[in-house]
Amino acid sequence: MNKTEILHFLKKNKQELIQRFNIDTIALAGSFARNEATQKSDIDIIVDMPSSFTNFFNLKYFLEEHLGRSVDLGLEKNLRSFIKKEMQDEMIYV
């Protein structure tokens, strides 16, 4: 799995993700977004969605199952301002 494949999957399945998990936005971040991923890298995904414990973890498991890697899923609204500022340059919104 690489950056292009992840972005393709997210774009192809965006409508399903919106309908099934009630997401507003989704972005790839971290090492995959920077093209620095290694064999051990997880996939960092940032979403904007209403707070729902069930939807959050169901989305995480859905992504892990389909992407074949561990997914570090974060809510955009919960990112600390200094981290968000750093990450915004690398986040790739779908």
PDB file of N, CA and C in Angstrom:
ATOM      1  N   MET A   1       0.856  -1.175   0.000  1.00  0.00           N
ATOM      2  CA  MET A   1       0.000   0.000   0.000  1.00  0.00           C
ATOM      3  C   MET A   1       0.902   1.237   0.000  1.00  0.00           C
ATOM      4  N   ASN A   2       0.592   2.175  -0.885  1.00  0.00           N
ATOM      5  CA  ASN A   2       1.351   3.419  -0.929  1.00  0.00           C
ATOM      6  C   ASN A   2       0.385   4.609  -0.941  1.00  0.00           C
ATOM      7  N   LYS A   3       0.937   5.797  -0.969  1.00  0.00           N
ATOM      8  CA  LYS A   3       0.143   7.026  -0.917  1.00  0.00           C
ATOM      9  C   LYS A   3      -0.928   7.052  -2.005  1.00  0.00           C
ATOM     10  N   THR A   4      -0.543   6.747  -3.233  1.00  0.00           N
ATOM     11  CA  THR A   4      -1.473   6.789  -4.361  1.00  0.00           C
ATOM     12  C   THR A   4      -2.616   5.797  -4.173  1.00  0.00           C
ATOM     13  N   GLU A   5      -2.289   4.595  -3.725  1.00  0.00           N
ATOM     14  CA  GLU A   5      -3.315   3.570  -3.512  1.00  0.00           C
ATOM     15  C   GLU A   5      -4.273   3.953  -2.390  1.00  0.00           C
ATOM     16  N   ILE A   6      -3.738   4.525  -1.320  1.00  0.00           N
ATOM     17  CA  ILE A   6      -4.588   4.947  -0.201  1.00  0.00           C
ATOM     18  C   ILE A   6      -5.536   6.053  -0.653  1.00  0.00           C
ATOM     19  N   LEU A   7      -4.999   7.059  -1.337  1.00  0.00           N
ATOM     20  CA  LEU A   7      -5.834   8.169  -1.804  1.00  0.00           C
ATOM     21  C   LEU A   7      -6.888   7.675  -2.792  1.00  0.00           C
ATOM     22  N   HIS A   8      -6.516   6.745  -3.656  1.00  0.00           N
ATOM     23  CA  HIS A   8      -7.478   6.169  -4.604  1.00  0.00           C
ATOM     24  C   HIS A   8      -8.614   5.470  -3.850  1.00  0.00           C
ATOM     25  N   PHE A   9      -8.264   4.673  -2.845  1.00  0.00           N
ATOM     26  CA  PHE A   9      -9.281   3.977  -2.054  1.00  0.00           C
ATOM     27  C   PHE A   9     -10.214   4.976  -1.371  1.00  0.00           C
ATOM     28  N   LEU A  10      -9.634   6.011  -0.756  1.00  0.00           N
ATOM     29  CA  LEU A  10     -10.454   6.995  -0.043  1.00  0.00           C
ATOM     30  C   LEU A  10     -11.384   7.742  -0.999  1.00  0.00           C
ATOM     31  N   LYS A  11     -10.868   8.131  -2.153  1.00  0.00           N
ATOM     32  CA  LYS A  11     -11.700   8.835  -3.142  1.00  0.00           C
ATOM     33  C   LYS A  11     -12.813   7.928  -3.666  1.00  0.00           C
ATOM     34  N   LYS A  12     -12.446   6.710  -4.000  1.00  0.00           N
ATOM     35  CA  LYS A  12     -13.404   5.750  -4.553  1.00  0.00           C
ATOM     36  C   LYS A  12     -14.526   5.435  -3.561  1.00  0.00           C
ATOM     37  N   ASN A  13     -14.210   5.437  -2.277  1.00  0.00           N
ATOM     38  CA  ASN A  13     -15.168   5.037  -1.244  1.00  0.00           C
ATOM     39  C   ASN A  13     -15.697   6.198  -0.416  1.00  0.00           C
ATOM     40  N   LYS A  14     -15.423   7.421  -0.829  1.00  0.00           N
ATOM     41  CA  LYS A  14     -15.803   8.590  -0.028  1.00  0.00           C
ATOM     42  C   LYS A  14     -17.310   8.637   0.248  1.00  0.00           C
ATOM     43  N   GLN A  15     -18.125   8.393  -0.771  1.00  0.00           N
ATOM     44  CA  GLN A  15     -19.580   8.449  -0.562  1.00  0.00           C
ATOM     45  C   GLN A  15     -20.027   7.409   0.456  1.00  0.00           C
ATOM     46  N   GLU A  16     -19.471   6.214   0.389  1.00  0.00           N
ATOM     47  CA  GLU A  16     -19.809   5.181   1.370  1.00  0.00           C
ATOM     48  C   GLU A  16     -19.374   5.604   2.769  1.00  0.00           C
ATOM     49  N   LEU A  17     -18.188   6.199   2.883  1.00  0.00           N
ATOM     50  CA  LEU A  17     -17.693   6.651   4.185  1.00  0.00           C
ATOM     51  C   LEU A  17     -18.597   7.740   4.758  1.00  0.00           C
ATOM     52  N   ILE A  18     -19.069   8.630   3.903  1.00  0.00           N
ATOM     53  CA  ILE A  18     -19.978   9.698   4.345  1.00  0.00           C
ATOM     54  C   ILE A  18     -21.292   9.094   4.834  1.00  0.00           C
ATOM     55  N   GLN A  19     -21.865   8.214   4.047  1.00  0.00           N
ATOM     56  CA  GLN A  19     -23.166   7.634   4.390  1.00  0.00           C
ATOM     57  C   GLN A  19     -23.084   6.688   5.581  1.00  0.00           C
ATOM     58  N   ARG A  20     -22.071   5.863   5.592  1.00  0.00           N
ATOM     59  CA  ARG A  20     -21.984   4.813   6.613  1.00  0.00           C
ATOM     60  C   ARG A  20     -21.459   5.314   7.959  1.00  0.00           C
ATOM     61  N   PHE A  21     -20.504   6.267   7.916  1.00  0.00           N
ATOM     62  CA  PHE A  21     -19.859   6.695   9.157  1.00  0.00           C
ATOM     63  C   PHE A  21     -20.096   8.164   9.484  1.00  0.00           C
ATOM     64  N   ASN A  22     -20.845   8.851   8.627  1.00  0.00           N
ATOM     65  CA  ASN A  22     -21.236  10.239   8.871  1.00  0.00           C
ATOM     66  C   ASN A  22     -20.038  11.188   8.942  1.00  0.00           C
ATOM     67  N   ILE A  23     -19.029  10.953   8.107  1.00  0.00           N
ATOM     68  CA  ILE A  23     -17.872  11.852   8.102  1.00  0.00           C
ATOM     69  C   ILE A  23     -18.188  13.097   7.279  1.00  0.00           C
ATOM     70  N   ASP A  24     -17.558  14.196   7.635  1.00  0.00           N
ATOM     71  CA  ASP A  24     -17.671  15.429   6.852  1.00  0.00           C
ATOM     72  C   ASP A  24     -16.454  15.585   5.939  1.00  0.00           C
ATOM     73  N   THR A  25     -15.261  15.369   6.500  1.00  0.00           N
ATOM     74  CA  THR A  25     -14.030  15.439   5.715  1.00  0.00           C
ATOM     75  C   THR A  25     -13.112  14.294   6.130  1.00  0.00           C
ATOM     76  N   ILE A  26     -12.200  13.960   5.215  1.00  0.00           N
ATOM     77  CA  ILE A  26     -11.213  12.918   5.500  1.00  0.00           C
ATOM     78  C   ILE A  26      -9.912  13.303   4.808  1.00  0.00           C
ATOM     79  N   ALA A  27      -8.798  13.090   5.508  1.00  0.00           N
ATOM     80  CA  ALA A  27      -7.494  13.471   4.961  1.00  0.00           C
ATOM     81  C   ALA A  27      -6.445  12.429   5.345  1.00  0.00           C
ATOM     82  N   LEU A  28      -5.502  12.248   4.448  1.00  0.00           N
ATOM     83  CA  LEU A  28      -4.330  11.417   4.711  1.00  0.00           C
ATOM     84  C   LEU A  28      -3.250  12.320   5.284  1.00  0.00           C
ATOM     85  N   ALA A  29      -2.557  11.848   6.313  1.00  0.00           N
ATOM     86  CA  ALA A  29      -1.495  12.641   6.943  1.00  0.00           C
ATOM     87  C   ALA A  29      -0.322  11.716   7.271  1.00  0.00           C
ATOM     88  N   GLY A  30       0.673  12.260   7.918  1.00  0.00           N
ATOM     89  CA  GLY A  30       1.787  11.458   8.399  1.00  0.00           C
ATOM     90  C   GLY A  30       2.735  10.981   7.319  1.00  0.00           C
ATOM     91  N   SER A  31       3.399   9.872   7.625  1.00  0.00           N
ATOM     92  CA  SER A  31       4.474   9.390   6.757  1.00  0.00           C
ATOM     93  C   SER A  31       3.993   9.019   5.356  1.00  0.00           C
ATOM     94  N   PHE A  32       2.788   8.490   5.236  1.00  0.00           N
ATOM     95  CA  PHE A  32       2.291   8.158   3.890  1.00  0.00           C
ATOM     96  C   PHE A  32       2.048   9.419   3.075  1.00  0.00           C
ATOM     97  N   ALA A  33       1.523  10.456   3.691  1.00  0.00           N
ATOM     98  CA  ALA A  33       1.284  11.719   2.979  1.00  0.00           C
ATOM     99  C   ALA A  33       2.603  12.352   2.537  1.00  0.00           C
ATOM    100  N   ARG A  34       3.658  12.147   3.331  1.00  0.00           N
ATOM    101  CA  ARG A  34       4.976  12.725   3.022  1.00  0.00           C
ATOM    102  C   ARG A  34       5.836  11.806   2.150  1.00  0.00           C
ATOM    103  N   ASN A  35       5.305  10.656   1.771  1.00  0.00           N
ATOM    104  CA  ASN A  35       6.074   9.647   1.020  1.00  0.00           C
ATOM    105  C   ASN A  35       7.302   9.176   1.793  1.00  0.00           C
ATOM    106  N   GLU A  36       7.149   9.024   3.099  1.00  0.00           N
ATOM    107  CA  GLU A  36       8.243   8.568   3.957  1.00  0.00           C
ATOM    108  C   GLU A  36       7.890   7.279   4.696  1.00  0.00           C
ATOM    109  N   ALA A  37       6.845   6.593   4.280  1.00  0.00           N
ATOM    110  CA  ALA A  37       6.378   5.403   4.987  1.00  0.00           C
ATOM    111  C   ALA A  37       7.367   4.252   4.848  1.00  0.00           C
ATOM    112  N   THR A  38       7.442   3.458   5.901  1.00  0.00           N
ATOM    113  CA  THR A  38       8.257   2.247   5.907  1.00  0.00           C
ATOM    114  C   THR A  38       7.327   1.043   6.052  1.00  0.00           C
ATOM    115  N   GLN A  39       7.904  -0.143   6.070  1.00  0.00           N
ATOM    116  CA  GLN A  39       7.119  -1.372   6.252  1.00  0.00           C
ATOM    117  C   GLN A  39       6.329  -1.350   7.560  1.00  0.00           C
ATOM    118  N   LYS A  40       6.845  -0.647   8.565  1.00  0.00           N
ATOM    119  CA  LYS A  40       6.215  -0.636   9.887  1.00  0.00           C
ATOM    120  C   LYS A  40       5.280   0.551  10.109  1.00  0.00           C
ATOM    121  N   SER A  41       5.183   1.435   9.144  1.00  0.00           N
ATOM    122  CA  SER A  41       4.362   2.640   9.307  1.00  0.00           C
ATOM    123  C   SER A  41       2.878   2.301   9.358  1.00  0.00           C
ATOM    124  N   ASP A  42       2.171   3.011  10.252  1.00  0.00           N
ATOM    125  CA  ASP A  42       0.720   2.929  10.213  1.00  0.00           C
ATOM    126  C   ASP A  42       0.218   4.034   9.291  1.00  0.00           C
ATOM    127  N   ILE A  43      -1.062   4.013   9.002  1.00  0.00           N
ATOM    128  CA  ILE A  43      -1.656   5.011   8.122  1.00  0.00           C
ATOM    129  C   ILE A  43      -2.381   6.029   8.993  1.00  0.00           C
ATOM    130  N   ASP A  44      -1.969   7.292   8.890  1.00  0.00           N
ATOM    131  CA  ASP A  44      -2.587   8.364   9.667  1.00  0.00           C
ATOM    132  C   ASP A  44      -3.718   8.986   8.856  1.00  0.00           C
ATOM    133  N   ILE A  45      -4.920   8.893   9.400  1.00  0.00           N
ATOM    134  CA  ILE A  45      -6.107   9.451   8.760  1.00  0.00           C
ATOM    135  C   ILE A  45      -6.748  10.430   9.738  1.00  0.00           C
ATOM    136  N   ILE A  46      -7.051  11.625   9.237  1.00  0.00           N
ATOM    137  CA  ILE A  46      -7.711  12.647  10.048  1.00  0.00           C
ATOM    138  C   ILE A  46      -9.109  12.857   9.480  1.00  0.00           C
ATOM    139  N   VAL A  47     -10.108  12.814  10.349  1.00  0.00           N
ATOM    140  CA  VAL A  47     -11.490  12.996   9.905  1.00  0.00           C
ATOM    141  C   VAL A  47     -12.177  14.089  10.715  1.00  0.00           C
ATOM    142  N   ASP A  48     -13.185  14.657  10.095  1.00  0.00           N
ATOM    143  CA  ASP A  48     -14.100  15.551  10.791  1.00  0.00           C
ATOM    144  C   ASP A  48     -15.443  14.845  10.749  1.00  0.00           C
ATOM    145  N   MET A  49     -15.958  14.520  11.929  1.00  0.00           N
ATOM    146  CA  MET A  49     -17.226  13.803  12.022  1.00  0.00           C
ATOM    147  C   MET A  49     -17.836  14.076  13.387  1.00  0.00           C
ATOM    148  N   PRO A  50     -19.150  13.944  13.504  1.00  0.00           N
ATOM    149  CA  PRO A  50     -19.770  14.106  14.817  1.00  0.00           C
ATOM    150  C   PRO A  50     -19.205  13.073  15.791  1.00  0.00           C
ATOM    151  N   SER A  51     -19.120  13.465  17.041  1.00  0.00           N
ATOM    152  CA  SER A  51     -18.598  12.555  18.062  1.00  0.00           C
ATOM    153  C   SER A  51     -19.519  11.353  18.217  1.00  0.00           C
ATOM    154  N   SER A  52     -18.979  10.196  17.949  1.00  0.00           N
ATOM    155  CA  SER A  52     -19.698   8.939  18.116  1.00  0.00           C
ATOM    156  C   SER A  52     -18.659   7.848  18.294  1.00  0.00           C
ATOM    157  N   PHE A  53     -18.588   7.328  19.492  1.00  0.00           N
ATOM    158  CA  PHE A  53     -17.623   6.279  19.808  1.00  0.00           C
ATOM    159  C   PHE A  53     -17.753   5.110  18.832  1.00  0.00           C
ATOM    160  N   THR A  54     -18.984   4.687  18.599  1.00  0.00           N
ATOM    161  CA  THR A  54     -19.234   3.544  17.723  1.00  0.00           C
ATOM    162  C   THR A  54     -18.798   3.824  16.293  1.00  0.00           C
ATOM    163  N   ASN A  55     -19.227   4.961  15.725  1.00  0.00           N
ATOM    164  CA  ASN A  55     -18.851   5.296  14.348  1.00  0.00           C
ATOM    165  C   ASN A  55     -17.344   5.444  14.199  1.00  0.00           C
ATOM    166  N   PHE A  56     -16.700   6.065  15.198  1.00  0.00           N
ATOM    167  CA  PHE A  56     -15.256   6.282  15.145  1.00  0.00           C
ATOM    168  C   PHE A  56     -14.519   4.947  15.029  1.00  0.00           C
ATOM    169  N   PHE A  57     -14.834   4.018  15.922  1.00  0.00           N
ATOM    170  CA  PHE A  57     -14.117   2.741  15.906  1.00  0.00           C
ATOM    171  C   PHE A  57     -14.546   1.847  14.744  1.00  0.00           C
ATOM    172  N   ASN A  58     -15.802   1.928  14.342  1.00  0.00           N
ATOM    173  CA  ASN A  58     -16.220   1.174  13.157  1.00  0.00           C
ATOM    174  C   ASN A  58     -15.486   1.671  11.916  1.00  0.00           C
ATOM    175  N   LEU A  59     -15.294   2.988  11.808  1.00  0.00           N
ATOM    176  CA  LEU A  59     -14.537   3.557  10.692  1.00  0.00           C
ATOM    177  C   LEU A  59     -13.085   3.089  10.739  1.00  0.00           C
ATOM    178  N   LYS A  60     -12.475   3.136  11.925  1.00  0.00           N
ATOM    179  CA  LYS A  60     -11.085   2.685  12.077  1.00  0.00           C
ATOM    180  C   LYS A  60     -10.936   1.231  11.617  1.00  0.00           C
ATOM    181  N   TYR A  61     -11.820   0.361  12.081  1.00  0.00           N
ATOM    182  CA  TYR A  61     -11.738  -1.058  11.715  1.00  0.00           C
ATOM    183  C   TYR A  61     -12.014  -1.272  10.228  1.00  0.00           C
ATOM    184  N   PHE A  62     -12.955  -0.519   9.666  1.00  0.00           N
ATOM    185  CA  PHE A  62     -13.257  -0.598   8.235  1.00  0.00           C
ATOM    186  C   PHE A  62     -12.020  -0.240   7.419  1.00  0.00           C
ATOM    187  N   LEU A  63     -11.368   0.861   7.783  1.00  0.00           N
ATOM    188  CA  LEU A  63     -10.173   1.301   7.055  1.00  0.00           C
ATOM    189  C   LEU A  63      -9.042   0.285   7.186  1.00  0.00           C
ATOM    190  N   GLU A  64      -8.832  -0.226   8.394  1.00  0.00           N
ATOM    191  CA  GLU A  64      -7.765  -1.215   8.594  1.00  0.00           C
ATOM    192  C   GLU A  64      -8.018  -2.479   7.774  1.00  0.00           C
ATOM    193  N   GLU A  65      -9.256  -2.916   7.743  1.00  0.00           N
ATOM    194  CA  GLU A  65      -9.596  -4.126   6.988  1.00  0.00           C
ATOM    195  C   GLU A  65      -9.339  -3.930   5.492  1.00  0.00           C
ATOM    196  N   HIS A  66      -9.708  -2.776   4.970  1.00  0.00           N
ATOM    197  CA  HIS A  66      -9.591  -2.548   3.532  1.00  0.00           C
ATOM    198  C   HIS A  66      -8.207  -2.065   3.094  1.00  0.00           C
ATOM    199  N   LEU A  67      -7.486  -1.402   3.985  1.00  0.00           N
ATOM    200  CA  LEU A  67      -6.158  -0.901   3.628  1.00  0.00           C
ATOM    201  C   LEU A  67      -5.048  -1.877   4.009  1.00  0.00           C
ATOM    202  N   GLY A  68      -5.367  -2.843   4.862  1.00  0.00           N
ATOM    203  CA  GLY A  68      -4.406  -3.881   5.203  1.00  0.00           C
ATOM    204  C   GLY A  68      -3.278  -3.436   6.114  1.00  0.00           C
ATOM    205  N   ARG A  69      -3.498  -2.353   6.837  1.00  0.00           N
ATOM    206  CA  ARG A  69      -2.501  -1.840   7.790  1.00  0.00           C
ATOM    207  C   ARG A  69      -3.209  -1.248   8.994  1.00  0.00           C
ATOM    208  N   SER A  70      -2.438  -1.069  10.053  1.00  0.00           N
ATOM    209  CA  SER A  70      -2.954  -0.362  11.219  1.00  0.00           C
ATOM    210  C   SER A  70      -3.244   1.088  10.836  1.00  0.00           C
ATOM    211  N   VAL A  71      -4.372   1.605  11.298  1.00  0.00           N
ATOM    212  CA  VAL A  71      -4.757   2.981  11.008  1.00  0.00           C
ATOM    213  C   VAL A  71      -4.786   3.776  12.306  1.00  0.00           C
ATOM    214  N   ASP A  72      -4.075   4.892  12.305  1.00  0.00           N
ATOM    215  CA  ASP A  72      -4.123   5.841  13.415  1.00  0.00           C
ATOM    216  C   ASP A  72      -5.141   6.898  13.005  1.00  0.00           C
ATOM    217  N   LEU A  73      -6.346   6.787  13.553  1.00  0.00           N
ATOM    218  CA  LEU A  73      -7.455   7.660  13.174  1.00  0.00           C
ATOM    219  C   LEU A  73      -7.578   8.780  14.190  1.00  0.00           C
ATOM    220  N   GLY A  74      -7.626  10.007  13.704  1.00  0.00           N
ATOM    221  CA  GLY A  74      -7.750  11.155  14.595  1.00  0.00           C
ATOM    222  C   GLY A  74      -8.887  12.061  14.170  1.00  0.00           C
ATOM    223  N   LEU A  75      -9.517  12.672  15.166  1.00  0.00           N
ATOM    224  CA  LEU A  75     -10.557  13.663  14.893  1.00  0.00           C
ATOM    225  C   LEU A  75      -9.902  15.023  14.746  1.00  0.00           C
ATOM    226  N   GLU A  76     -10.181  15.694  13.653  1.00  0.00           N
ATOM    227  CA  GLU A  76      -9.560  16.991  13.389  1.00  0.00           C
ATOM    228  C   GLU A  76      -9.826  17.982  14.518  1.00  0.00           C
ATOM    229  N   LYS A  77     -11.033  17.959  15.060  1.00  0.00           N
ATOM    230  CA  LYS A  77     -11.374  18.918  16.115  1.00  0.00           C
ATOM    231  C   LYS A  77     -10.623  18.651  17.420  1.00  0.00           C
ATOM    232  N   ASN A  78     -10.073  17.452  17.580  1.00  0.00           N
ATOM    233  CA  ASN A  78      -9.338  17.123  18.802  1.00  0.00           C
ATOM    234  C   ASN A  78      -7.837  17.355  18.696  1.00  0.00           C
ATOM    235  N   LEU A  79      -7.354  17.726  17.508  1.00  0.00           N
ATOM    236  CA  LEU A  79      -5.927  17.996  17.358  1.00  0.00           C
ATOM    237  C   LEU A  79      -5.572  19.284  18.093  1.00  0.00           C
ATOM    238  N   ARG A  80      -4.534  19.243  18.852  1.00  0.00           N
ATOM    239  CA  ARG A  80      -4.066  20.463  19.517  1.00  0.00           C
ATOM    240  C   ARG A  80      -3.628  21.452  18.452  1.00  0.00           C
ATOM    241  N   SER A  81      -3.813  22.718  18.731  1.00  0.00           N
ATOM    242  CA  SER A  81      -3.581  23.752  17.716  1.00  0.00           C
ATOM    243  C   SER A  81      -2.160  23.706  17.152  1.00  0.00           C
ATOM    244  N   PHE A  82      -1.149  23.473  17.994  1.00  0.00           N
ATOM    245  CA  PHE A  82       0.226  23.461  17.484  1.00  0.00           C
ATOM    246  C   PHE A  82       0.481  22.238  16.608  1.00  0.00           C
ATOM    247  N   ILE A  83      -0.149  21.118  16.920  1.00  0.00           N
ATOM    248  CA  ILE A  83      -0.003  19.920  16.089  1.00  0.00           C
ATOM    249  C   ILE A  83      -0.765  20.107  14.782  1.00  0.00           C
ATOM    250  N   LYS A  84      -1.956  20.660  14.885  1.00  0.00           N
ATOM    251  CA  LYS A  84      -2.773  20.881  13.690  1.00  0.00           C
ATOM    252  C   LYS A  84      -2.059  21.807  12.716  1.00  0.00           C
ATOM    253  N   LYS A  85      -1.441  22.850  13.255  1.00  0.00           N
ATOM    254  CA  LYS A  85      -0.727  23.804  12.406  1.00  0.00           C
ATOM    255  C   LYS A  85       0.418  23.107  11.673  1.00  0.00           C
ATOM    256  N   GLU A  86       1.151  22.263  12.380  1.00  0.00           N
ATOM    257  CA  GLU A  86       2.260  21.509  11.778  1.00  0.00           C
ATOM    258  C   GLU A  86       1.764  20.537  10.713  1.00  0.00           C
ATOM    259  N   MET A  87       0.659  19.868  11.005  1.00  0.00           N
ATOM    260  CA  MET A  87       0.158  18.820  10.121  1.00  0.00           C
ATOM    261  C   MET A  87      -0.578  19.357   8.903  1.00  0.00           C
ATOM    262  N   GLN A  88      -1.112  20.566   8.986  1.00  0.00           N
ATOM    263  CA  GLN A  88      -1.935  21.081   7.890  1.00  0.00           C
ATOM    264  C   GLN A  88      -1.198  21.122   6.560  1.00  0.00           C
ATOM    265  N   ASP A  89       0.085  21.379   6.591  1.00  0.00           N
ATOM    266  CA  ASP A  89       0.850  21.431   5.347  1.00  0.00           C
ATOM    267  C   ASP A  89       0.959  20.066   4.675  1.00  0.00           C
ATOM    268  N   GLU A  90       0.896  18.996   5.468  1.00  0.00           N
ATOM    269  CA  GLU A  90       1.057  17.663   4.900  1.00  0.00           C
ATOM    270  C   GLU A  90      -0.266  16.934   4.678  1.00  0.00           C
ATOM    271  N   MET A  91      -1.349  17.421   5.268  1.00  0.00           N
ATOM    272  CA  MET A  91      -2.633  16.733   5.141  1.00  0.00           C
ATOM    273  C   MET A  91      -3.158  16.827   3.709  1.00  0.00           C
ATOM    274  N   ILE A  92      -3.575  15.693   3.188  1.00  0.00           N
ATOM    275  CA  ILE A  92      -4.123  15.633   1.830  1.00  0.00           C
ATOM    276  C   ILE A  92      -5.601  15.277   1.955  1.00  0.00           C
ATOM    277  N   TYR A  93      -6.447  16.280   1.738  1.00  0.00           N
ATOM    278  CA  TYR A  93      -7.891  16.069   1.835  1.00  0.00           C
ATOM    279  C   TYR A  93      -8.411  15.379   0.584  1.00  0.00           C
ATOM    280  N   VAL A  94      -9.361  14.497   0.787  1.00  0.00           N
ATOM    281  CA  VAL A  94      -9.967  13.751  -0.318  1.00  0.00           C
ATOM    282  C   VAL A  94     -11.343  14.327  -0.588  1.00  0.00           C
TER     283      VAL A  94
END
